[in-house]
Amino acid sequence: MPYPDKFYPVVDTVAWVARLALLGAGTIQLRAKDLNDSEALQMVTDALEVIKGTQAKLVVNDYWRAAIVAGAKHLHLGQEDLVDADLAAIREAGLTLGISTHDDEELATALRAEPDYIALGPIFPTTLKSMRFAPQGIPKITEWKKRIGAIPLVAIGGIKLEQAAAIYAAGADSIAVVSDVTQNPDPDARVRAWLGLHVEAA
């Protein structure tokens, strides 16, 4: 399976990780904010436990120390997290590394860390958090994919299933999805629709 998978849900609880894994999601990011070290370690440990026996790959957002201690395999860092992270320790632990980017300067910073994938966002306006960056729009995906070459490009930010085909066509290798799943009235059906889309595209 490619990493990250074409459908890449991002959720904030272990319960969501378990639900998505059982539905067949391949790459799932756990993004919970403001945890102390022990809380982060417990959450990552619990999340790794609930995906056992499924095809899911857990991506830990931010908490790189917890990811190393818990034996996680995949990590995602934002630009602020990247400043404080020990990249040598992360690589030594065998973790893959994805990095968020929002502008040209952040892309340059990310590429210096030799990431396993680059996330570009927000593609569209997003209501989940206040963004200091304007929406990038679909054409930016094509431009950045040309610049990063073989490194997988993950599009994120306000993306709905109905826009997926255009985003893949523009050059995105993967789409990170948050509210289109977690705020959907029927999340399970929405996840199945995303997964079905990729079966057709494969």
N, C-alpha and C. Protein backbone atom coordinates (compact mmCIF):
# COMPACT_ATOMS: atom_id res chain seq x y z
N MET A 1 0.84 -1.20 0.00
CA MET A 1 0.00 0.00 0.00
C MET A 1 0.88 1.25 0.00
N PRO A 2 0.44 2.29 -0.71
CA PRO A 2 1.21 3.53 -0.69
C PRO A 2 1.11 4.19 0.69
N TYR A 3 2.07 5.03 1.00
CA TYR A 3 1.99 5.80 2.24
C TYR A 3 2.26 7.26 1.91
N PRO A 4 1.42 8.17 2.40
CA PRO A 4 0.12 7.88 3.01
C PRO A 4 -0.91 7.44 1.97
N ASP A 5 -1.96 6.75 2.43
CA ASP A 5 -3.02 6.33 1.52
C ASP A 5 -3.71 7.54 0.91
N LYS A 6 -4.42 7.31 -0.19
CA LYS A 6 -5.08 8.41 -0.90
C LYS A 6 -6.11 9.11 -0.01
N PHE A 7 -6.79 8.35 0.82
CA PHE A 7 -7.73 8.90 1.80
C PHE A 7 -7.05 8.89 3.16
N TYR A 8 -6.94 10.07 3.77
CA TYR A 8 -6.11 10.24 4.96
C TYR A 8 -6.90 11.02 6.02
N PRO A 9 -7.75 10.33 6.78
CA PRO A 9 -8.53 11.03 7.80
C PRO A 9 -7.67 11.49 8.98
N VAL A 10 -8.05 12.63 9.53
CA VAL A 10 -7.36 13.22 10.68
C VAL A 10 -8.38 13.41 11.80
N VAL A 11 -8.14 12.77 12.95
CA VAL A 11 -9.12 12.76 14.03
C VAL A 11 -8.43 13.03 15.37
N ASP A 12 -9.24 13.29 16.41
CA ASP A 12 -8.64 13.74 17.67
C ASP A 12 -8.89 12.82 18.86
N THR A 13 -9.45 11.63 18.63
CA THR A 13 -9.65 10.70 19.74
C THR A 13 -9.30 9.28 19.32
N VAL A 14 -9.00 8.46 20.33
CA VAL A 14 -8.73 7.04 20.08
C VAL A 14 -9.99 6.35 19.56
N ALA A 15 -11.15 6.79 20.03
CA ALA A 15 -12.42 6.19 19.56
C ALA A 15 -12.59 6.37 18.06
N TRP A 16 -12.23 7.54 17.56
CA TRP A 16 -12.30 7.77 16.11
C TRP A 16 -11.29 6.89 15.37
N VAL A 17 -10.10 6.77 15.92
CA VAL A 17 -9.08 5.91 15.29
C VAL A 17 -9.62 4.49 15.15
N ALA A 18 -10.20 3.98 16.24
CA ALA A 18 -10.74 2.61 16.22
C ALA A 18 -11.85 2.47 15.18
N ARG A 19 -12.74 3.46 15.14
CA ARG A 19 -13.87 3.42 14.20
C ARG A 19 -13.38 3.40 12.76
N LEU A 20 -12.44 4.27 12.45
CA LEU A 20 -11.91 4.36 11.08
C LEU A 20 -11.14 3.10 10.69
N ALA A 21 -10.38 2.56 11.63
CA ALA A 21 -9.61 1.35 11.34
C ALA A 21 -10.55 0.20 10.99
N LEU A 22 -11.63 0.09 11.73
CA LEU A 22 -12.59 -1.00 11.47
C LEU A 22 -13.31 -0.82 10.14
N LEU A 23 -13.45 0.43 9.70
CA LEU A 23 -14.08 0.70 8.40
C LEU A 23 -13.13 0.45 7.23
N GLY A 24 -11.83 0.29 7.55
CA GLY A 24 -10.87 -0.03 6.48
C GLY A 24 -9.96 1.10 6.06
N ALA A 25 -9.95 2.21 6.82
CA ALA A 25 -9.02 3.30 6.49
C ALA A 25 -7.58 2.82 6.65
N GLY A 26 -6.72 3.22 5.71
CA GLY A 26 -5.35 2.74 5.72
C GLY A 26 -4.39 3.62 6.49
N THR A 27 -4.54 4.94 6.37
CA THR A 27 -3.69 5.90 7.09
C THR A 27 -4.59 6.78 7.93
N ILE A 28 -4.33 6.85 9.24
CA ILE A 28 -5.17 7.65 10.14
C ILE A 28 -4.25 8.50 11.01
N GLN A 29 -4.48 9.82 10.99
CA GLN A 29 -3.67 10.70 11.85
C GLN A 29 -4.44 11.01 13.13
N LEU A 30 -3.74 10.88 14.25
CA LEU A 30 -4.29 11.23 15.55
C LEU A 30 -3.72 12.60 15.94
N ARG A 31 -4.61 13.59 15.95
CA ARG A 31 -4.18 14.98 16.20
C ARG A 31 -4.97 15.52 17.39
N ALA A 32 -4.38 15.42 18.57
CA ALA A 32 -5.00 15.93 19.79
C ALA A 32 -4.10 17.02 20.36
N LYS A 33 -4.69 18.09 20.80
CA LYS A 33 -3.89 19.24 21.24
C LYS A 33 -3.78 19.31 22.76
N ASP A 34 -2.72 19.98 23.21
CA ASP A 34 -2.56 20.37 24.61
C ASP A 34 -2.52 19.21 25.59
N LEU A 35 -1.85 18.14 25.22
CA LEU A 35 -1.66 17.03 26.16
C LEU A 35 -0.28 17.15 26.81
N ASN A 36 -0.19 16.73 28.08
CA ASN A 36 1.15 16.66 28.67
C ASN A 36 1.81 15.35 28.23
N ASP A 37 3.06 15.14 28.62
CA ASP A 37 3.81 13.99 28.10
C ASP A 37 3.15 12.66 28.44
N SER A 38 2.67 12.53 29.67
CA SER A 38 2.08 11.24 30.07
C SER A 38 0.74 11.01 29.36
N GLU A 39 -0.05 12.08 29.20
CA GLU A 39 -1.32 11.96 28.47
C GLU A 39 -1.08 11.57 27.01
N ALA A 40 -0.07 12.21 26.42
CA ALA A 40 0.25 11.91 25.01
C ALA A 40 0.70 10.46 24.86
N LEU A 41 1.54 10.00 25.76
CA LEU A 41 2.03 8.62 25.68
C LEU A 41 0.88 7.62 25.84
N GLN A 42 -0.02 7.90 26.78
CA GLN A 42 -1.17 7.02 26.98
C GLN A 42 -2.05 6.97 25.75
N MET A 43 -2.29 8.14 25.15
CA MET A 43 -3.17 8.21 23.98
C MET A 43 -2.57 7.46 22.79
N VAL A 44 -1.27 7.68 22.56
CA VAL A 44 -0.61 7.01 21.44
C VAL A 44 -0.59 5.50 21.67
N THR A 45 -0.29 5.08 22.88
CA THR A 45 -0.28 3.65 23.21
C THR A 45 -1.66 3.03 22.98
N ASP A 46 -2.70 3.72 23.44
CA ASP A 46 -4.07 3.21 23.27
C ASP A 46 -4.45 3.14 21.79
N ALA A 47 -4.04 4.15 21.04
CA ALA A 47 -4.37 4.18 19.61
C ALA A 47 -3.67 3.05 18.86
N LEU A 48 -2.42 2.80 19.20
CA LEU A 48 -1.70 1.69 18.57
C LEU A 48 -2.36 0.35 18.90
N GLU A 49 -2.90 0.25 20.10
CA GLU A 49 -3.56 -0.99 20.53
C GLU A 49 -4.84 -1.23 19.72
N VAL A 50 -5.63 -0.16 19.49
CA VAL A 50 -6.92 -0.36 18.82
C VAL A 50 -6.79 -0.66 17.33
N ILE A 51 -5.63 -0.36 16.73
CA ILE A 51 -5.48 -0.67 15.29
C ILE A 51 -4.86 -2.04 15.05
N LYS A 52 -4.48 -2.72 16.13
CA LYS A 52 -3.91 -4.07 15.95
C LYS A 52 -4.92 -4.97 15.24
N GLY A 53 -4.42 -5.74 14.28
CA GLY A 53 -5.30 -6.63 13.55
C GLY A 53 -6.03 -5.97 12.39
N THR A 54 -5.80 -4.67 12.17
CA THR A 54 -6.39 -3.97 11.02
C THR A 54 -5.25 -3.56 10.09
N GLN A 55 -5.60 -3.03 8.92
CA GLN A 55 -4.57 -2.58 7.98
C GLN A 55 -4.15 -1.13 8.26
N ALA A 56 -4.73 -0.53 9.29
CA ALA A 56 -4.50 0.90 9.53
C ALA A 56 -3.07 1.19 9.98
N LYS A 57 -2.56 2.33 9.52
CA LYS A 57 -1.28 2.88 9.95
C LYS A 57 -1.58 4.15 10.76
N LEU A 58 -1.10 4.21 11.98
CA LEU A 58 -1.35 5.37 12.83
C LEU A 58 -0.26 6.41 12.64
N VAL A 59 -0.67 7.65 12.35
CA VAL A 59 0.26 8.77 12.26
C VAL A 59 0.06 9.65 13.49
N VAL A 60 1.11 9.83 14.27
CA VAL A 60 1.03 10.64 15.48
C VAL A 60 1.36 12.09 15.12
N ASN A 61 0.44 13.00 15.45
CA ASN A 61 0.69 14.42 15.20
C ASN A 61 1.40 15.04 16.41
N ASP A 62 2.53 15.65 16.16
CA ASP A 62 3.22 16.50 17.12
C ASP A 62 4.02 15.75 18.18
N TYR A 63 3.42 14.79 18.86
CA TYR A 63 4.05 14.22 20.07
C TYR A 63 5.12 13.20 19.70
N TRP A 64 6.26 13.71 19.23
CA TRP A 64 7.29 12.80 18.70
C TRP A 64 7.94 11.97 19.80
N ARG A 65 8.06 12.51 21.01
CA ARG A 65 8.64 11.71 22.09
C ARG A 65 7.73 10.53 22.42
N ALA A 66 6.44 10.80 22.53
CA ALA A 66 5.47 9.73 22.81
C ALA A 66 5.47 8.70 21.68
N ALA A 67 5.58 9.17 20.45
CA ALA A 67 5.60 8.26 19.30
C ALA A 67 6.79 7.31 19.39
N ILE A 68 7.94 7.84 19.76
CA ILE A 68 9.15 7.00 19.88
C ILE A 68 8.98 5.98 21.01
N VAL A 69 8.56 6.46 22.17
CA VAL A 69 8.46 5.58 23.35
C VAL A 69 7.41 4.49 23.12
N ALA A 70 6.29 4.86 22.49
CA ALA A 70 5.19 3.90 22.29
C ALA A 70 5.45 2.93 21.15
N GLY A 71 6.48 3.22 20.34
CA GLY A 71 6.78 2.33 19.22
C GLY A 71 5.95 2.58 17.99
N ALA A 72 5.49 3.82 17.83
CA ALA A 72 4.74 4.18 16.62
C ALA A 72 5.69 4.15 15.41
N LYS A 73 5.10 4.13 14.23
CA LYS A 73 5.91 4.05 13.01
C LYS A 73 5.86 5.33 12.17
N HIS A 74 4.84 6.17 12.45
CA HIS A 74 4.62 7.33 11.58
C HIS A 74 4.37 8.58 12.41
N LEU A 75 4.92 9.71 11.94
CA LEU A 75 4.84 10.98 12.66
C LEU A 75 4.51 12.10 11.69
N HIS A 76 3.74 13.09 12.18
CA HIS A 76 3.47 14.29 11.39
C HIS A 76 3.78 15.50 12.26
N LEU A 77 4.52 16.45 11.71
CA LEU A 77 4.87 17.66 12.45
C LEU A 77 4.41 18.89 11.69
N GLY A 78 3.86 19.85 12.45
CA GLY A 78 3.64 21.19 11.90
C GLY A 78 4.94 21.97 11.95
N GLN A 79 4.91 23.15 11.37
CA GLN A 79 6.14 23.95 11.34
C GLN A 79 6.62 24.33 12.74
N GLU A 80 5.67 24.65 13.64
CA GLU A 80 6.07 25.02 15.01
C GLU A 80 6.68 23.81 15.72
N ASP A 81 6.07 22.64 15.50
CA ASP A 81 6.58 21.41 16.14
C ASP A 81 7.97 21.05 15.60
N LEU A 82 8.18 21.34 14.34
CA LEU A 82 9.44 20.98 13.68
C LEU A 82 10.63 21.68 14.34
N VAL A 83 10.40 22.90 14.79
CA VAL A 83 11.47 23.69 15.41
C VAL A 83 12.03 22.98 16.64
N ASP A 84 11.14 22.36 17.42
CA ASP A 84 11.55 21.75 18.69
C ASP A 84 11.86 20.26 18.59
N ALA A 85 11.64 19.69 17.44
CA ALA A 85 11.78 18.23 17.31
C ALA A 85 13.24 17.82 17.11
N ASP A 86 13.59 16.66 17.64
CA ASP A 86 14.91 16.08 17.44
C ASP A 86 14.84 15.14 16.24
N LEU A 87 15.16 15.67 15.07
CA LEU A 87 14.99 14.90 13.83
C LEU A 87 15.89 13.67 13.82
N ALA A 88 17.06 13.78 14.42
CA ALA A 88 17.97 12.63 14.45
C ALA A 88 17.35 11.49 15.27
N ALA A 89 16.77 11.83 16.41
CA ALA A 89 16.13 10.82 17.25
C ALA A 89 14.92 10.20 16.56
N ILE A 90 14.18 11.05 15.83
CA ILE A 90 13.00 10.58 15.11
C ILE A 90 13.41 9.57 14.03
N ARG A 91 14.45 9.91 13.29
CA ARG A 91 14.92 9.01 12.23
C ARG A 91 15.52 7.73 12.82
N GLU A 92 16.25 7.91 13.92
CA GLU A 92 16.87 6.75 14.57
C GLU A 92 15.82 5.74 15.02
N ALA A 93 14.66 6.26 15.43
CA ALA A 93 13.57 5.40 15.88
C ALA A 93 12.83 4.74 14.71
N GLY A 94 13.19 5.14 13.49
CA GLY A 94 12.57 4.53 12.31
C GLY A 94 11.23 5.10 11.93
N LEU A 95 10.91 6.28 12.46
CA LEU A 95 9.62 6.90 12.15
C LEU A 95 9.65 7.56 10.77
N THR A 96 8.56 7.39 10.01
CA THR A 96 8.40 8.22 8.82
C THR A 96 8.00 9.62 9.29
N LEU A 97 8.20 10.62 8.44
CA LEU A 97 7.94 12.00 8.84
C LEU A 97 7.19 12.75 7.74
N GLY A 98 6.01 13.25 8.11
CA GLY A 98 5.27 14.16 7.23
C GLY A 98 5.29 15.55 7.83
N ILE A 99 5.30 16.58 6.99
CA ILE A 99 5.42 17.96 7.49
C ILE A 99 4.38 18.86 6.82
N SER A 100 3.73 19.69 7.65
CA SER A 100 2.76 20.67 7.14
C SER A 100 3.47 21.88 6.53
N THR A 101 2.91 22.39 5.44
CA THR A 101 3.44 23.61 4.82
C THR A 101 2.28 24.49 4.36
N HIS A 102 2.55 25.81 4.35
CA HIS A 102 1.52 26.76 3.95
C HIS A 102 2.04 27.81 2.97
N ASP A 103 3.35 27.96 2.85
CA ASP A 103 3.91 28.94 1.91
C ASP A 103 5.30 28.49 1.46
N ASP A 104 5.91 29.28 0.59
CA ASP A 104 7.19 28.87 -0.01
C ASP A 104 8.30 28.71 1.03
N GLU A 105 8.31 29.60 2.00
CA GLU A 105 9.35 29.52 3.04
C GLU A 105 9.19 28.23 3.85
N GLU A 106 7.95 27.90 4.19
CA GLU A 106 7.72 26.67 4.95
C GLU A 106 8.05 25.43 4.12
N LEU A 107 7.80 25.50 2.82
CA LEU A 107 8.17 24.37 1.96
C LEU A 107 9.68 24.16 1.98
N ALA A 108 10.43 25.24 1.90
CA ALA A 108 11.89 25.13 1.93
C ALA A 108 12.36 24.53 3.25
N THR A 109 11.76 24.97 4.35
CA THR A 109 12.09 24.42 5.68
C THR A 109 11.79 22.93 5.73
N ALA A 110 10.61 22.56 5.22
CA ALA A 110 10.21 21.16 5.24
C ALA A 110 11.14 20.29 4.42
N LEU A 111 11.51 20.76 3.24
CA LEU A 111 12.36 19.95 2.35
C LEU A 111 13.74 19.71 2.97
N ARG A 112 14.23 20.65 3.77
CA ARG A 112 15.53 20.46 4.43
C ARG A 112 15.48 19.28 5.41
N ALA A 113 14.29 18.98 5.91
CA ALA A 113 14.15 17.86 6.86
C ALA A 113 13.98 16.52 6.14
N GLU A 114 14.00 16.53 4.82
CA GLU A 114 13.87 15.31 4.00
C GLU A 114 12.66 14.47 4.42
N PRO A 115 11.45 15.04 4.31
CA PRO A 115 10.26 14.35 4.78
C PRO A 115 9.82 13.22 3.85
N ASP A 116 9.00 12.34 4.40
CA ASP A 116 8.42 11.26 3.60
C ASP A 116 7.19 11.72 2.82
N TYR A 117 6.57 12.80 3.28
CA TYR A 117 5.53 13.47 2.49
C TYR A 117 5.43 14.91 2.96
N ILE A 118 4.84 15.74 2.09
CA ILE A 118 4.59 17.16 2.37
C ILE A 118 3.08 17.37 2.35
N ALA A 119 2.56 18.06 3.37
CA ALA A 119 1.15 18.44 3.37
C ALA A 119 1.03 19.91 3.01
N LEU A 120 0.14 20.23 2.11
CA LEU A 120 -0.10 21.61 1.67
C LEU A 120 -1.52 22.01 2.05
N GLY A 121 -1.65 23.16 2.71
CA GLY A 121 -2.99 23.59 3.05
C GLY A 121 -3.01 25.04 3.54
N PRO A 122 -4.19 25.57 3.82
CA PRO A 122 -5.47 24.92 3.51
C PRO A 122 -5.83 25.12 2.04
N ILE A 123 -6.33 24.07 1.41
CA ILE A 123 -6.72 24.21 0.00
C ILE A 123 -7.96 25.10 -0.12
N PHE A 124 -8.93 24.88 0.79
CA PHE A 124 -10.15 25.68 0.84
C PHE A 124 -10.28 26.29 2.23
N PRO A 125 -11.19 27.25 2.40
CA PRO A 125 -11.41 27.79 3.75
C PRO A 125 -11.81 26.66 4.70
N THR A 126 -11.32 26.73 5.93
CA THR A 126 -11.65 25.71 6.92
C THR A 126 -12.18 26.38 8.18
N THR A 127 -13.17 25.75 8.78
CA THR A 127 -13.79 26.32 9.98
C THR A 127 -13.20 25.72 11.26
N LEU A 128 -12.32 24.73 11.11
CA LEU A 128 -11.88 23.99 12.29
C LEU A 128 -10.89 24.76 13.15
N LYS A 129 -10.08 25.56 12.53
CA LYS A 129 -9.16 26.38 13.33
C LYS A 129 -8.90 27.67 12.58
N SER A 130 -8.59 28.72 13.30
CA SER A 130 -8.31 29.98 12.62
C SER A 130 -6.98 29.85 11.89
N MET A 131 -6.99 30.17 10.63
CA MET A 131 -5.80 30.00 9.80
C MET A 131 -5.17 31.36 9.51
N ARG A 132 -3.86 31.44 9.70
CA ARG A 132 -3.20 32.70 9.35
C ARG A 132 -2.81 32.71 7.87
N PHE A 133 -3.13 31.63 7.17
CA PHE A 133 -2.82 31.57 5.74
C PHE A 133 -4.11 31.53 4.93
N ALA A 134 -4.11 32.23 3.81
CA ALA A 134 -5.28 32.23 2.94
C ALA A 134 -5.40 30.86 2.25
N PRO A 135 -6.60 30.50 1.80
CA PRO A 135 -6.75 29.25 1.05
C PRO A 135 -5.83 29.22 -0.17
N GLN A 136 -5.24 28.07 -0.41
CA GLN A 136 -4.25 27.93 -1.49
C GLN A 136 -4.91 27.75 -2.86
N GLY A 137 -6.04 27.04 -2.88
CA GLY A 137 -6.70 26.76 -4.15
C GLY A 137 -6.05 25.57 -4.87
N ILE A 138 -6.81 25.00 -5.77
CA ILE A 138 -6.35 23.78 -6.46
C ILE A 138 -5.12 24.00 -7.35
N PRO A 139 -4.99 25.14 -8.07
CA PRO A 139 -3.80 25.30 -8.93
C PRO A 139 -2.48 25.21 -8.18
N LYS A 140 -2.47 25.59 -6.90
CA LYS A 140 -1.23 25.54 -6.11
C LYS A 140 -0.75 24.10 -5.96
N ILE A 141 -1.69 23.15 -5.94
CA ILE A 141 -1.31 21.74 -5.82
C ILE A 141 -0.42 21.34 -6.99
N THR A 142 -0.82 21.71 -8.18
CA THR A 142 -0.06 21.36 -9.38
C THR A 142 1.33 21.98 -9.33
N GLU A 143 1.38 23.24 -8.92
CA GLU A 143 2.67 23.96 -8.86
C GLU A 143 3.61 23.29 -7.85
N TRP A 144 3.08 22.96 -6.67
CA TRP A 144 3.94 22.37 -5.64
C TRP A 144 4.33 20.94 -5.97
N LYS A 145 3.45 20.21 -6.60
CA LYS A 145 3.80 18.83 -6.97
C LYS A 145 4.97 18.83 -7.94
N LYS A 146 5.00 19.79 -8.85
CA LYS A 146 6.13 19.89 -9.78
C LYS A 146 7.42 20.17 -9.01
N ARG A 147 7.32 20.98 -7.97
CA ARG A 147 8.52 21.37 -7.21
C ARG A 147 9.06 20.25 -6.34
N ILE A 148 8.17 19.43 -5.78
CA ILE A 148 8.66 18.41 -4.84
C ILE A 148 8.89 17.06 -5.50
N GLY A 149 8.44 16.92 -6.75
CA GLY A 149 8.77 15.71 -7.51
C GLY A 149 8.18 14.45 -6.93
N ALA A 150 9.05 13.50 -6.58
CA ALA A 150 8.60 12.17 -6.17
C ALA A 150 8.05 12.13 -4.74
N ILE A 151 8.28 13.19 -3.95
CA ILE A 151 7.76 13.20 -2.57
C ILE A 151 6.23 13.28 -2.63
N PRO A 152 5.52 12.39 -1.93
CA PRO A 152 4.06 12.45 -1.95
C PRO A 152 3.54 13.80 -1.42
N LEU A 153 2.49 14.32 -2.08
CA LEU A 153 1.88 15.58 -1.67
C LEU A 153 0.48 15.31 -1.12
N VAL A 154 0.25 15.75 0.11
CA VAL A 154 -1.04 15.59 0.77
C VAL A 154 -1.75 16.94 0.77
N ALA A 155 -2.94 16.98 0.21
CA ALA A 155 -3.75 18.21 0.24
C ALA A 155 -4.64 18.17 1.48
N ILE A 156 -4.76 19.31 2.18
CA ILE A 156 -5.58 19.37 3.39
C ILE A 156 -6.27 20.73 3.49
N GLY A 157 -7.43 20.72 4.12
CA GLY A 157 -8.09 22.00 4.41
C GLY A 157 -9.42 22.17 3.71
N GLY A 158 -10.50 21.86 4.42
CA GLY A 158 -11.84 22.13 3.91
C GLY A 158 -12.27 21.28 2.73
N ILE A 159 -11.61 20.14 2.51
CA ILE A 159 -11.87 19.34 1.31
C ILE A 159 -13.02 18.36 1.56
N LYS A 160 -13.94 18.35 0.59
CA LYS A 160 -15.07 17.42 0.64
C LYS A 160 -14.93 16.37 -0.46
N LEU A 161 -15.63 15.28 -0.28
CA LEU A 161 -15.56 14.17 -1.23
C LEU A 161 -15.82 14.63 -2.66
N GLU A 162 -16.77 15.56 -2.81
CA GLU A 162 -17.16 16.00 -4.16
C GLU A 162 -16.01 16.72 -4.88
N GLN A 163 -15.03 17.21 -4.14
CA GLN A 163 -13.90 17.93 -4.76
C GLN A 163 -12.69 17.02 -4.99
N ALA A 164 -12.79 15.78 -4.53
CA ALA A 164 -11.62 14.91 -4.52
C ALA A 164 -11.04 14.67 -5.91
N ALA A 165 -11.90 14.38 -6.87
CA ALA A 165 -11.41 14.04 -8.22
C ALA A 165 -10.56 15.16 -8.79
N ALA A 166 -11.01 16.42 -8.61
CA ALA A 166 -10.26 17.56 -9.14
C ALA A 166 -8.92 17.72 -8.43
N ILE A 167 -8.90 17.40 -7.15
CA ILE A 167 -7.66 17.56 -6.37
C ILE A 167 -6.64 16.49 -6.74
N TYR A 168 -7.10 15.26 -6.90
CA TYR A 168 -6.17 14.22 -7.38
C TYR A 168 -5.67 14.56 -8.78
N ALA A 169 -6.57 15.04 -9.63
CA ALA A 169 -6.19 15.38 -11.00
C ALA A 169 -5.15 16.49 -11.04
N ALA A 170 -5.19 17.37 -10.03
CA ALA A 170 -4.23 18.48 -9.97
C ALA A 170 -2.85 18.04 -9.52
N GLY A 171 -2.75 16.81 -8.99
CA GLY A 171 -1.43 16.30 -8.63
C GLY A 171 -1.29 15.82 -7.20
N ALA A 172 -2.34 15.97 -6.38
CA ALA A 172 -2.24 15.49 -5.00
C ALA A 172 -2.17 13.96 -4.99
N ASP A 173 -1.30 13.42 -4.16
CA ASP A 173 -1.20 11.97 -4.00
C ASP A 173 -2.17 11.46 -2.94
N SER A 174 -2.55 12.36 -2.02
CA SER A 174 -3.37 11.98 -0.88
C SER A 174 -4.20 13.19 -0.47
N ILE A 175 -5.35 12.93 0.14
CA ILE A 175 -6.18 14.02 0.66
C ILE A 175 -6.43 13.77 2.14
N ALA A 176 -6.02 14.72 2.97
CA ALA A 176 -6.31 14.65 4.40
C ALA A 176 -7.70 15.23 4.65
N VAL A 177 -8.50 14.48 5.37
CA VAL A 177 -9.91 14.82 5.54
C VAL A 177 -10.23 14.91 7.03
N VAL A 178 -10.83 16.02 7.43
CA VAL A 178 -11.19 16.20 8.83
C VAL A 178 -12.70 16.30 8.95
N SER A 179 -13.24 17.52 8.76
CA SER A 179 -14.66 17.75 9.03
C SER A 179 -15.59 16.99 8.10
N ASP A 180 -15.14 16.66 6.88
CA ASP A 180 -16.02 15.94 5.96
C ASP A 180 -16.37 14.55 6.49
N VAL A 181 -15.57 14.06 7.42
CA VAL A 181 -15.88 12.81 8.11
C VAL A 181 -16.47 13.09 9.50
N THR A 182 -15.72 13.83 10.32
CA THR A 182 -16.10 13.95 11.74
C THR A 182 -17.37 14.76 11.94
N GLN A 183 -17.68 15.67 11.04
CA GLN A 183 -18.90 16.47 11.20
C GLN A 183 -20.01 16.02 10.26
N ASN A 184 -19.82 14.88 9.61
CA ASN A 184 -20.84 14.36 8.70
C ASN A 184 -21.96 13.69 9.49
N PRO A 185 -23.21 13.85 9.07
CA PRO A 185 -24.30 13.20 9.81
C PRO A 185 -24.22 11.67 9.79
N ASP A 186 -23.56 11.11 8.78
CA ASP A 186 -23.37 9.66 8.72
C ASP A 186 -21.90 9.38 8.39
N PRO A 187 -21.03 9.50 9.39
CA PRO A 187 -19.58 9.37 9.14
C PRO A 187 -19.19 8.05 8.50
N ASP A 188 -19.81 6.95 8.95
CA ASP A 188 -19.42 5.64 8.41
C ASP A 188 -19.68 5.57 6.91
N ALA A 189 -20.83 6.07 6.49
CA ALA A 189 -21.17 6.06 5.06
C ALA A 189 -20.21 6.95 4.28
N ARG A 190 -19.84 8.07 4.88
CA ARG A 190 -18.93 9.00 4.20
C ARG A 190 -17.55 8.35 4.03
N VAL A 191 -17.09 7.68 5.07
CA VAL A 191 -15.79 7.00 4.97
C VAL A 191 -15.83 5.92 3.89
N ARG A 192 -16.92 5.16 3.86
CA ARG A 192 -17.04 4.12 2.82
C ARG A 192 -17.04 4.74 1.42
N ALA A 193 -17.66 5.90 1.30
CA ALA A 193 -17.68 6.59 -0.01
C ALA A 193 -16.27 7.03 -0.41
N TRP A 194 -15.52 7.57 0.54
CA TRP A 194 -14.12 7.94 0.25
C TRP A 194 -13.31 6.72 -0.14
N LEU A 195 -13.46 5.65 0.61
CA LEU A 195 -12.70 4.44 0.30
C LEU A 195 -13.13 3.84 -1.03
N GLY A 196 -14.41 3.90 -1.34
CA GLY A 196 -14.91 3.40 -2.61
C GLY A 196 -14.39 4.20 -3.80
N LEU A 197 -14.26 5.51 -3.58
CA LEU A 197 -13.72 6.37 -4.63
C LEU A 197 -12.33 5.91 -5.04
N HIS A 198 -11.54 5.48 -4.04
CA HIS A 198 -10.16 5.09 -4.35
C HIS A 198 -10.06 3.73 -4.99
N VAL A 199 -11.02 2.88 -4.67
CA VAL A 199 -11.05 1.58 -5.36
C VAL A 199 -11.29 1.81 -6.85
N GLU A 200 -12.21 2.73 -7.16
CA GLU A 200 -12.52 3.02 -8.57
C GLU A 200 -11.31 3.66 -9.26
N ALA A 201 -10.59 4.51 -8.52
CA ALA A 201 -9.48 5.23 -9.14
C ALA A 201 -8.25 4.35 -9.31
N ALA A 202 -8.15 3.31 -8.53
CA ALA A 202 -6.94 2.48 -8.55
C ALA A 202 -6.82 1.68 -9.82
